[in-house]
Amino acid sequence: MRWFKYSAISLGILLALALILPFLIPLKTYIPPLEQLASDKLGEPVTIADLSFSLLPLPSATLHGLSIGKTQPIQVESITVRPALGSLWQEVKVLRAVEVKGFSVDRRMLGLAGALAKPGDRGPQLVRVEHVKLRAMQLNLDVLKWGPLRADIALHERGVEEVEAASEDGKFKLQLTPGSEKATQDLLIKAKDWPLPIKPAFQFEQLTAKGLLRQNTLNISDIDGKLYGGKLAGKVDMDWTRDWKVTGEVQASNVETKEAVALLTRSVAVSGKLHTQGRFTLRAKEPKQLADSLKGNFKFEVKQGVLHGFDLAQAVESKVLPGARSGTRGGQTRFDTFTGVAQISGKQYRLRQLKVASGALSANGDVSVAANQRLSGQVNVALTSVAGLAVPLDVSGTLSEPVLLPNAAALAGAAAGTVLMGPGFGTGLGTKAGQALDELFR
């Protein structure tokens, strides 16, 4: 009992010292040499607002309010270091964990990380870090703005061994583990109710992606996702050895287009269930230039949907008459199927081999969308209610306000056919004749 009593008293004294000792050490005297050491290493002026030390639950030191650089300095809320006590008397000091909290990762931060990774000029590294924890992290890399994020990075003597990262809300998780091949890491991404952090911010109900990371390449061989009631599958290859290059394939089925298209344009041009497949490439000097370099070719089919902003049937019925001059605006066209090929080049789109089919009409044609969303092209429309009536419509206006106007030659032919042979058959025959003459003398 006496031994237990003395042990309890000793433990109490040690705990009291652990609580009181950090307040007795004049820690502010260590701040200037730490600032100088960090400034020399980074090549940028570093200031530290405060320094604290704790013995419980494990010995640790925390730097508060770091500012790196003169103009537009990088701000870091805190850095906490937990050393391995046994290494303090050895040549190589071991840090069990380094926790960095409250900072933004941009180009300047990446440059500083590169400087820290370089070996020192005065010999071998004398400090080895086993674990890095990143908390309340924001990504601010040109087109990618995302956060808050967290990451846990396990290190060994050769570099990064394993990474577990996630958004603070838990909707996105990423894991990197040693791959079966040398100098590779296996990538696993899982997400739920997660919007892409880049535009267009498509909302995934579920997403799983598996891939392989090398020094300058990333190969995502298996993408399986659910979005807007449908499914998405594909693969993506990235290479940043010289320029930034991205290639990929994608297949989607039964995706409701209304919400997805709304992320691409201010007005919804089409709604219905989308089925598509195709390939795409992006190549640029800098990541922020990738979006403007997009080139893609996609076959698509939309079922049981609506074309918003114009009424093909009304454009034909109301305008193929003598004296028709103004184009048709507004309305909508319901269809059973809408198929075609979408060719993308930067911010320009060309919709080729378009075919629209419904009980009331059928249509085909080509339409181009310029970078400023101006429309151009022609659509040939045939109405089932008027035998022999098929009219070419010139497409103009903008994506949000399209304008449909019957071809001028077709208008003249339709008027002549109507006068000579009557409405219906005469109108349709005159339309075809006028279109043929227009193409002959074009």
Protein backbone atom coordinates (compact mmCIF):
# COMPACT_ATOMS: atom_id res chain seq x y z
CA MET A 1 0.00 0.00 0.00
CA ARG A 2 2.89 2.35 0.83
CA TRP A 3 4.44 1.62 -2.59
CA PHE A 4 1.12 2.38 -4.32
CA LYS A 5 0.79 5.62 -2.37
CA TYR A 6 4.28 6.83 -3.34
CA SER A 7 3.67 5.87 -6.99
CA ALA A 8 0.42 7.83 -7.09
CA ILE A 9 2.10 10.89 -5.56
CA SER A 10 4.98 10.66 -8.07
CA LEU A 11 2.57 10.33 -10.98
CA GLY A 12 0.61 13.33 -9.77
CA ILE A 13 3.78 15.42 -9.54
CA LEU A 14 4.77 14.40 -13.09
CA LEU A 15 1.34 15.30 -14.42
CA ALA A 16 1.48 18.65 -12.65
CA LEU A 17 4.89 19.35 -14.16
CA ALA A 18 3.60 18.36 -17.60
CA LEU A 19 0.81 20.89 -17.26
CA ILE A 20 2.88 23.70 -15.74
CA LEU A 21 6.24 23.34 -17.50
CA PRO A 22 5.12 24.66 -20.94
CA PHE A 23 4.09 27.93 -19.27
CA LEU A 24 7.48 28.33 -17.57
CA ILE A 25 9.64 27.97 -20.69
CA PRO A 26 10.25 31.31 -22.54
CA LEU A 27 9.25 29.94 -25.95
CA LYS A 28 9.18 33.31 -27.74
CA THR A 29 12.98 33.37 -27.68
CA TYR A 30 12.93 30.42 -30.11
CA ILE A 31 10.74 32.18 -32.71
CA PRO A 32 13.44 34.37 -34.43
CA PRO A 33 15.86 31.47 -35.10
CA LEU A 34 12.96 29.32 -36.38
CA GLU A 35 11.87 32.14 -38.71
CA GLN A 36 15.43 32.48 -40.00
CA LEU A 37 15.79 28.72 -40.51
CA ALA A 38 12.51 28.53 -42.46
CA SER A 39 13.35 31.63 -44.52
CA ASP A 40 16.73 30.18 -45.53
CA LYS A 41 15.15 26.89 -46.55
CA LEU A 42 12.26 28.37 -48.54
CA GLY A 43 13.98 31.39 -50.00
CA GLU A 44 11.07 33.54 -48.80
CA PRO A 45 10.62 35.64 -45.64
CA VAL A 46 8.75 33.71 -42.93
CA THR A 47 7.07 35.15 -39.85
CA ILE A 48 5.59 33.19 -36.93
CA ALA A 49 2.97 34.77 -34.69
CA ASP A 50 3.33 32.39 -31.74
CA LEU A 51 4.91 29.15 -30.52
CA SER A 52 3.42 26.76 -27.97
CA PHE A 53 4.60 23.52 -26.37
CA SER A 54 2.66 20.67 -24.79
CA LEU A 55 3.65 17.46 -22.98
CA LEU A 56 0.17 15.88 -22.97
CA PRO A 57 -1.17 13.66 -24.38
CA LEU A 58 2.17 13.42 -26.24
CA PRO A 59 5.02 15.95 -26.40
CA SER A 60 4.41 18.41 -29.25
CA ALA A 61 5.31 21.90 -30.43
CA THR A 62 2.94 24.11 -32.46
CA LEU A 63 3.73 27.09 -34.66
CA HIS A 64 0.76 29.47 -34.93
CA GLY A 65 -0.02 32.06 -37.60
CA LEU A 66 2.68 31.44 -40.21
CA SER A 67 3.07 33.94 -43.03
CA ILE A 68 5.33 33.10 -45.98
CA GLY A 69 6.39 35.72 -48.55
CA LYS A 70 6.27 39.52 -48.80
CA THR A 71 3.55 40.37 -51.32
CA GLN A 72 0.34 38.35 -51.03
CA PRO A 73 1.88 36.06 -48.39
CA ILE A 74 0.82 32.44 -47.95
CA GLN A 75 -1.03 32.04 -44.67
CA VAL A 76 -0.93 28.85 -42.57
CA GLU A 77 -3.08 28.61 -39.45
CA SER A 78 -0.80 26.20 -37.56
CA ILE A 79 1.86 23.49 -37.83
CA THR A 80 2.12 20.93 -35.01
CA VAL A 81 5.18 18.67 -34.70
CA ARG A 82 5.28 15.49 -32.58
CA PRO A 83 8.82 14.07 -32.29
CA ALA A 84 9.87 10.53 -31.43
CA LEU A 85 11.49 11.16 -28.01
CA GLY A 86 14.08 8.43 -28.45
CA SER A 87 15.46 10.10 -31.59
CA LEU A 88 16.24 13.41 -29.87
CA TRP A 89 19.61 11.99 -28.76
CA GLN A 90 20.36 10.45 -32.19
CA GLU A 91 21.92 11.96 -35.30
CA VAL A 92 18.71 11.65 -37.35
CA LYS A 93 15.73 13.16 -35.61
CA VAL A 94 12.40 11.41 -36.27
CA LEU A 95 9.09 13.27 -36.36
CA ARG A 96 6.24 10.86 -35.74
CA ALA A 97 3.69 13.30 -37.12
CA VAL A 98 3.49 16.77 -38.64
CA GLU A 99 0.01 18.31 -38.76
CA VAL A 100 -0.59 21.33 -41.01
CA LYS A 101 -3.92 23.07 -40.54
CA GLY A 102 -5.76 25.88 -42.33
CA PHE A 103 -3.99 26.69 -45.60
CA SER A 104 -4.59 27.03 -49.33
CA VAL A 105 -2.70 25.02 -51.95
CA ASP A 106 -1.92 27.12 -55.03
CA ARG A 107 1.00 27.37 -57.45
CA ARG A 108 3.17 29.16 -54.90
CA MET A 109 2.50 26.51 -52.25
CA LEU A 110 3.45 23.76 -54.73
CA GLY A 111 6.71 25.58 -55.40
CA LEU A 112 7.47 25.75 -51.67
CA ALA A 113 6.68 22.03 -51.32
CA GLY A 114 9.22 21.36 -54.06
CA ALA A 115 11.83 23.41 -52.21
CA LEU A 116 11.22 21.48 -49.00
CA ALA A 117 11.58 18.17 -50.83
CA LYS A 118 15.04 18.99 -52.15
CA PRO A 119 18.04 17.72 -50.14
CA GLY A 120 19.88 20.32 -48.13
CA ASP A 121 23.13 21.86 -49.43
CA ARG A 122 25.03 21.05 -46.26
CA GLY A 123 24.85 17.28 -46.33
CA PRO A 124 22.27 14.56 -45.69
CA GLN A 125 18.87 15.26 -44.21
CA LEU A 126 18.95 15.13 -40.42
CA VAL A 127 15.17 15.00 -39.93
CA ARG A 128 12.88 12.20 -41.09
CA VAL A 129 9.10 12.61 -41.13
CA GLU A 130 6.95 9.49 -40.78
CA HIS A 131 3.45 10.93 -41.09
CA VAL A 132 1.95 14.17 -42.44
CA LYS A 133 -1.60 15.25 -41.62
CA LEU A 134 -3.25 18.01 -43.64
CA ARG A 135 -6.40 19.57 -42.24
CA ALA A 136 -8.78 22.34 -43.42
CA MET A 137 -6.97 22.45 -46.75
CA GLN A 138 -8.23 24.42 -49.76
CA LEU A 139 -7.19 23.73 -53.37
CA ASN A 140 -6.91 26.83 -55.53
CA LEU A 141 -5.25 25.67 -58.75
CA ASP A 142 -6.50 27.75 -61.68
CA VAL A 143 -9.77 26.07 -62.77
CA LEU A 144 -9.83 23.77 -59.71
CA LYS A 145 -11.15 25.38 -56.53
CA TRP A 146 -12.09 22.83 -53.90
CA GLY A 147 -12.23 22.42 -50.15
CA PRO A 148 -12.09 22.03 -47.24
CA LEU A 149 -10.10 18.80 -47.61
CA ARG A 150 -8.05 16.54 -45.35
CA ALA A 151 -5.25 14.09 -46.06
CA ASP A 152 -3.08 11.60 -44.18
CA ILE A 153 0.27 10.81 -45.83
CA ALA A 154 2.51 7.96 -44.67
CA LEU A 155 6.17 8.40 -45.63
CA HIS A 156 9.21 6.15 -45.79
CA GLU A 157 12.85 6.86 -46.62
CA ARG A 158 12.17 6.78 -50.40
CA GLY A 159 9.17 9.11 -50.29
CA VAL A 160 5.39 8.74 -50.12
CA GLU A 161 4.16 5.29 -49.16
CA GLU A 162 0.40 5.71 -48.75
CA VAL A 163 -2.15 8.53 -49.00
CA GLU A 164 -5.69 8.73 -47.69
CA ALA A 165 -7.52 11.93 -48.61
CA ALA A 166 -11.13 13.06 -48.33
CA SER A 167 -13.39 16.06 -48.37
CA GLU A 168 -14.28 17.26 -44.88
CA ASP A 169 -17.94 16.40 -45.53
CA GLY A 170 -16.98 12.78 -46.35
CA LYS A 171 -18.60 12.82 -49.80
CA PHE A 172 -15.30 12.17 -51.58
CA LYS A 173 -12.53 9.71 -50.61
CA LEU A 174 -9.22 8.92 -52.31
CA GLN A 175 -6.66 6.27 -51.47
CA LEU A 176 -3.16 5.68 -52.86
CA THR A 177 -1.38 2.45 -51.95
CA PRO A 178 1.85 0.82 -53.24
CA GLY A 179 1.24 -0.80 -56.63
CA SER A 180 2.29 -4.24 -57.79
CA GLU A 181 4.72 -2.66 -60.28
CA LYS A 182 7.84 -0.77 -59.23
CA ALA A 183 7.45 3.00 -58.71
CA THR A 184 3.64 2.83 -59.07
CA GLN A 185 0.70 3.40 -56.77
CA ASP A 186 -2.82 2.02 -57.00
CA LEU A 187 -5.53 4.67 -56.98
CA LEU A 188 -9.03 4.19 -55.61
CA ILE A 189 -11.69 6.93 -55.63
CA LYS A 190 -15.12 6.64 -54.05
CA ALA A 191 -17.73 9.38 -53.92
CA LYS A 192 -21.39 9.76 -52.99
CA ASP A 193 -23.71 12.72 -53.61
CA TRP A 194 -20.65 14.57 -54.87
CA PRO A 195 -20.45 17.45 -57.40
CA LEU A 196 -17.35 17.73 -59.60
CA PRO A 197 -15.10 20.55 -58.28
CA ILE A 198 -14.59 21.83 -61.85
CA LYS A 199 -17.11 23.13 -64.37
CA PRO A 200 -19.45 21.66 -65.47
CA ALA A 201 -20.11 20.55 -61.89
CA PHE A 202 -21.99 17.34 -62.67
CA GLN A 203 -23.57 15.80 -59.56
CA PHE A 204 -22.69 12.13 -59.02
CA GLU A 205 -25.04 10.02 -56.97
CA GLN A 206 -22.25 7.44 -56.75
CA LEU A 207 -18.79 7.18 -58.28
CA THR A 208 -16.02 4.59 -58.16
CA ALA A 209 -12.76 4.92 -60.08
CA LYS A 210 -9.68 2.68 -60.09
CA GLY A 211 -6.32 3.44 -61.64
CA LEU A 212 -2.54 3.40 -61.57
CA LEU A 213 -0.32 6.38 -60.74
CA ARG A 214 3.26 6.71 -61.99
CA GLN A 215 5.67 9.62 -61.73
CA ASN A 216 4.24 11.59 -64.68
CA THR A 217 1.15 9.61 -65.70
CA LEU A 218 -2.21 8.58 -64.30
CA ASN A 219 -4.24 5.80 -65.91
CA ILE A 220 -7.81 5.47 -64.64
CA SER A 221 -8.91 2.23 -66.28
CA ASP A 222 -12.29 1.73 -64.63
CA ILE A 223 -14.88 4.46 -64.00
CA ASP A 224 -18.32 3.44 -62.77
CA GLY A 225 -20.79 6.15 -61.83
CA LYS A 226 -24.44 7.00 -61.36
CA LEU A 227 -25.77 10.47 -62.15
CA TYR A 228 -29.15 12.02 -62.97
CA GLY A 229 -30.88 8.66 -62.86
CA GLY A 230 -28.50 7.01 -65.32
CA LYS A 231 -25.14 5.28 -65.51
CA LEU A 232 -21.69 6.42 -66.63
CA ALA A 233 -18.67 4.29 -67.49
CA GLY A 234 -15.30 5.02 -69.09
CA LYS A 235 -11.58 5.44 -68.72
CA VAL A 236 -9.14 8.37 -68.63
CA ASP A 237 -5.38 8.61 -69.26
CA MET A 238 -3.34 11.64 -68.13
CA ASP A 239 0.27 12.50 -68.99
CA TRP A 240 2.15 15.60 -67.80
CA THR A 241 5.69 14.58 -68.85
CA ARG A 242 5.95 17.66 -71.08
CA ASP A 243 2.60 19.24 -71.87
CA TRP A 244 -0.62 18.30 -70.10
CA LYS A 245 -2.45 15.64 -72.12
CA VAL A 246 -5.74 13.92 -71.29
CA THR A 247 -7.48 11.25 -73.39
CA GLY A 248 -10.53 9.21 -72.54
CA GLU A 249 -13.59 7.23 -73.50
CA VAL A 250 -17.04 7.56 -72.01
CA GLN A 251 -20.36 5.71 -72.25
CA ALA A 252 -23.58 6.90 -70.63
CA SER A 253 -27.05 5.39 -70.57
CA ASN A 254 -30.47 6.55 -69.40
CA VAL A 255 -29.17 9.91 -68.11
CA GLU A 256 -31.81 12.62 -67.68
CA THR A 257 -30.41 15.48 -69.74
CA LYS A 258 -32.42 18.42 -68.35
CA GLU A 259 -30.33 19.00 -65.21
CA ALA A 260 -27.03 18.11 -66.91
CA VAL A 261 -27.60 20.43 -69.88
CA ALA A 262 -28.55 23.26 -67.51
CA LEU A 263 -24.95 23.19 -66.23
CA LEU A 264 -23.65 23.80 -69.77
CA THR A 265 -26.01 26.56 -70.92
CA ARG A 266 -28.22 29.18 -69.33
CA SER A 267 -31.27 27.65 -71.01
CA VAL A 268 -32.22 24.00 -71.34
CA ALA A 269 -32.12 23.09 -75.05
CA VAL A 270 -33.16 19.46 -74.74
CA SER A 271 -34.62 17.10 -72.16
CA GLY A 272 -35.09 13.34 -72.21
CA LYS A 273 -33.12 10.17 -71.51
CA LEU A 274 -29.62 10.30 -73.00
CA HIS A 275 -27.56 7.40 -74.33
CA THR A 276 -24.10 8.30 -75.66
CA GLN A 277 -20.60 7.03 -76.29
CA GLY A 278 -17.46 8.64 -77.63
CA ARG A 279 -13.84 9.71 -77.17
CA PHE A 280 -12.22 12.98 -76.15
CA THR A 281 -8.77 14.57 -75.91
CA LEU A 282 -7.36 17.65 -74.19
CA ARG A 283 -3.84 19.03 -74.59
CA ALA A 284 -2.29 22.25 -73.30
CA LYS A 285 0.83 23.77 -71.78
CA GLU A 286 -0.94 24.63 -68.54
CA PRO A 287 -3.82 22.89 -66.69
CA LYS A 288 -5.98 26.04 -66.87
CA GLN A 289 -5.83 25.87 -70.68
CA LEU A 290 -7.12 22.29 -70.89
CA ALA A 291 -10.85 23.13 -71.03
CA ASP A 292 -10.41 25.31 -74.12
CA SER A 293 -8.48 22.51 -75.90
CA LEU A 294 -11.27 19.92 -75.66
CA LYS A 295 -11.85 17.85 -78.80
CA GLY A 296 -14.47 15.13 -78.82
CA ASN A 297 -16.67 13.00 -81.01
CA PHE A 298 -19.82 11.49 -79.48
CA LYS A 299 -22.71 9.53 -80.92
CA PHE A 300 -25.89 10.20 -79.00
CA GLU A 301 -29.54 9.22 -78.77
CA VAL A 302 -32.17 10.96 -76.62
CA LYS A 303 -35.46 9.16 -76.07
CA GLN A 304 -38.92 10.48 -75.15
CA GLY A 305 -37.85 14.09 -74.81
CA VAL A 306 -38.46 17.69 -75.77
CA LEU A 307 -36.50 20.20 -77.86
CA HIS A 308 -36.98 23.51 -76.05
CA GLY A 309 -37.02 26.95 -77.65
CA PHE A 310 -38.57 26.12 -81.03
CA ASP A 311 -41.53 24.32 -82.58
CA LEU A 312 -40.54 22.53 -85.82
CA ALA A 313 -44.13 21.79 -86.81
CA GLN A 314 -45.25 25.39 -86.35
CA ALA A 315 -42.21 26.65 -88.28
CA VAL A 316 -43.31 24.60 -91.28
CA GLU A 317 -47.08 25.06 -91.08
CA SER A 318 -47.07 28.82 -90.45
CA LYS A 319 -44.23 29.93 -92.68
CA VAL A 320 -44.46 27.98 -95.93
CA LEU A 321 -46.99 30.45 -97.28
CA PRO A 322 -46.74 33.42 -99.65
CA GLY A 323 -45.46 36.48 -97.81
CA ALA A 324 -43.71 34.59 -94.98
CA ARG A 325 -40.71 36.67 -93.89
CA SER A 326 -40.01 36.38 -90.17
CA GLY A 327 -38.62 33.32 -88.43
CA THR A 328 -40.34 31.21 -85.80
CA ARG A 329 -39.29 31.71 -82.20
CA GLY A 330 -40.20 29.90 -79.01
CA GLY A 331 -42.29 26.82 -78.43
CA GLN A 332 -41.15 23.24 -78.10
CA THR A 333 -40.93 20.03 -80.12
CA ARG A 334 -41.76 16.72 -78.52
CA PHE A 335 -40.02 13.69 -79.98
CA ASP A 336 -39.74 9.93 -79.63
CA THR A 337 -36.07 9.78 -80.63
CA PHE A 338 -33.38 12.40 -81.29
CA THR A 339 -30.08 11.05 -82.63
CA GLY A 340 -26.88 12.45 -84.07
CA VAL A 341 -23.15 12.99 -83.70
CA ALA A 342 -21.72 15.79 -81.52
CA GLN A 343 -18.30 17.08 -82.56
CA ILE A 344 -16.61 19.36 -80.03
CA SER A 345 -13.63 21.63 -80.67
CA GLY A 346 -12.89 23.94 -77.76
CA LYS A 347 -15.99 26.06 -77.22
CA GLN A 348 -17.45 25.25 -80.63
CA TYR A 349 -19.90 22.43 -81.29
CA ARG A 350 -21.18 20.84 -84.47
CA LEU A 351 -24.21 18.56 -84.38
CA ARG A 352 -24.14 16.31 -87.46
CA GLN A 353 -26.48 13.69 -88.88
CA LEU A 354 -29.30 14.97 -86.68
CA LYS A 355 -32.55 13.02 -86.86
CA VAL A 356 -35.74 13.79 -84.97
CA ALA A 357 -38.72 11.42 -85.10
CA SER A 358 -42.16 11.66 -83.56
CA GLY A 359 -45.73 10.86 -84.51
CA ALA A 360 -46.25 14.36 -85.94
CA LEU A 361 -43.04 14.91 -87.89
CA SER A 362 -39.56 13.76 -88.88
CA ALA A 363 -36.51 15.97 -89.33
CA ASN A 364 -32.83 15.78 -90.20
CA GLY A 365 -29.94 18.22 -90.63
CA ASP A 366 -26.74 19.74 -89.28
CA VAL A 367 -26.39 22.60 -86.76
CA SER A 368 -23.28 24.42 -85.50
CA VAL A 369 -22.90 26.28 -82.21
CA ALA A 370 -20.17 28.95 -82.17
CA ALA A 371 -18.13 29.93 -79.13
CA ASN A 372 -20.53 32.86 -78.51
CA GLN A 373 -23.47 30.38 -78.69
CA ARG A 374 -24.64 31.70 -82.09
CA LEU A 375 -26.44 29.05 -84.15
CA SER A 376 -26.14 28.25 -87.86
CA GLY A 377 -27.27 25.34 -89.99
CA GLN A 378 -30.25 23.77 -91.67
CA VAL A 379 -32.92 21.30 -90.64
CA ASN A 380 -35.24 19.55 -93.10
CA VAL A 381 -38.70 18.94 -91.62
CA ALA A 382 -41.44 16.66 -92.95
CA LEU A 383 -44.95 16.73 -91.47
CA THR A 384 -47.03 13.56 -91.42
CA SER A 385 -50.24 15.62 -91.42
CA VAL A 386 -49.45 17.20 -94.83
CA ALA A 387 -48.58 14.65 -97.50
CA GLY A 388 -45.50 15.48 -99.51
CA LEU A 389 -44.62 18.56 -97.43
CA ALA A 390 -40.92 18.63 -96.48
CA VAL A 391 -39.35 22.02 -95.77
CA PRO A 392 -35.70 23.04 -95.23
CA LEU A 393 -35.43 25.45 -92.27
CA ASP A 394 -32.45 27.75 -91.80
CA VAL A 395 -31.36 27.80 -88.13
CA SER A 396 -30.03 31.04 -86.62
CA GLY A 397 -30.22 33.03 -83.40
CA THR A 398 -28.60 31.78 -80.20
CA LEU A 399 -28.73 28.62 -78.14
CA SER A 400 -31.08 30.32 -75.68
CA GLU A 401 -33.22 31.98 -78.42
CA PRO A 402 -33.09 29.92 -81.63
CA VAL A 403 -34.77 31.21 -84.81
CA LEU A 404 -36.16 28.96 -87.56
CA LEU A 405 -36.82 30.42 -91.02
CA PRO A 406 -37.69 28.45 -94.17
CA ASN A 407 -35.00 28.64 -96.84
CA ALA A 408 -35.65 31.64 -99.15
CA ALA A 409 -35.65 29.54 -102.34
CA ALA A 410 -37.92 26.99 -100.70
CA LEU A 411 -40.33 29.79 -99.71
CA ALA A 412 -40.54 31.02 -103.30
CA GLY A 413 -41.05 27.50 -104.63
CA ALA A 414 -43.71 26.76 -102.02
CA ALA A 415 -45.64 29.92 -102.97
CA ALA A 416 -45.50 29.10 -106.68
CA GLY A 417 -46.49 25.47 -106.12
CA THR A 418 -49.43 26.51 -103.95
CA VAL A 419 -50.75 28.94 -106.58
CA LEU A 420 -50.33 26.52 -109.50
CA MET A 421 -51.32 23.19 -107.94
CA GLY A 422 -53.01 24.06 -104.64
CA PRO A 423 -51.94 23.68 -100.99
CA GLY A 424 -50.52 20.44 -99.68
CA PHE A 425 -49.11 18.55 -102.68
CA GLY A 426 -48.44 21.74 -104.67
CA THR A 427 -46.77 23.43 -101.71
CA GLY A 428 -44.53 20.41 -101.03
CA LEU A 429 -43.58 20.00 -104.71
CA GLY A 430 -42.79 23.69 -105.01
CA THR A 431 -40.67 23.57 -101.87
CA LYS A 432 -38.55 20.74 -103.23
CA ALA A 433 -38.16 22.50 -106.58
CA GLY A 434 -37.10 25.73 -104.94
CA GLN A 435 -34.56 23.92 -102.75
CA ALA A 436 -33.15 22.03 -105.76
CA LEU A 437 -32.68 25.25 -107.75
CA ASP A 438 -31.02 26.92 -104.75
CA GLU A 439 -28.49 24.05 -104.44
CA LEU A 440 -27.90 24.03 -108.25
CA PHE A 441 -26.91 27.70 -108.44
CA ARG A 442 -25.18 27.95 -105.04
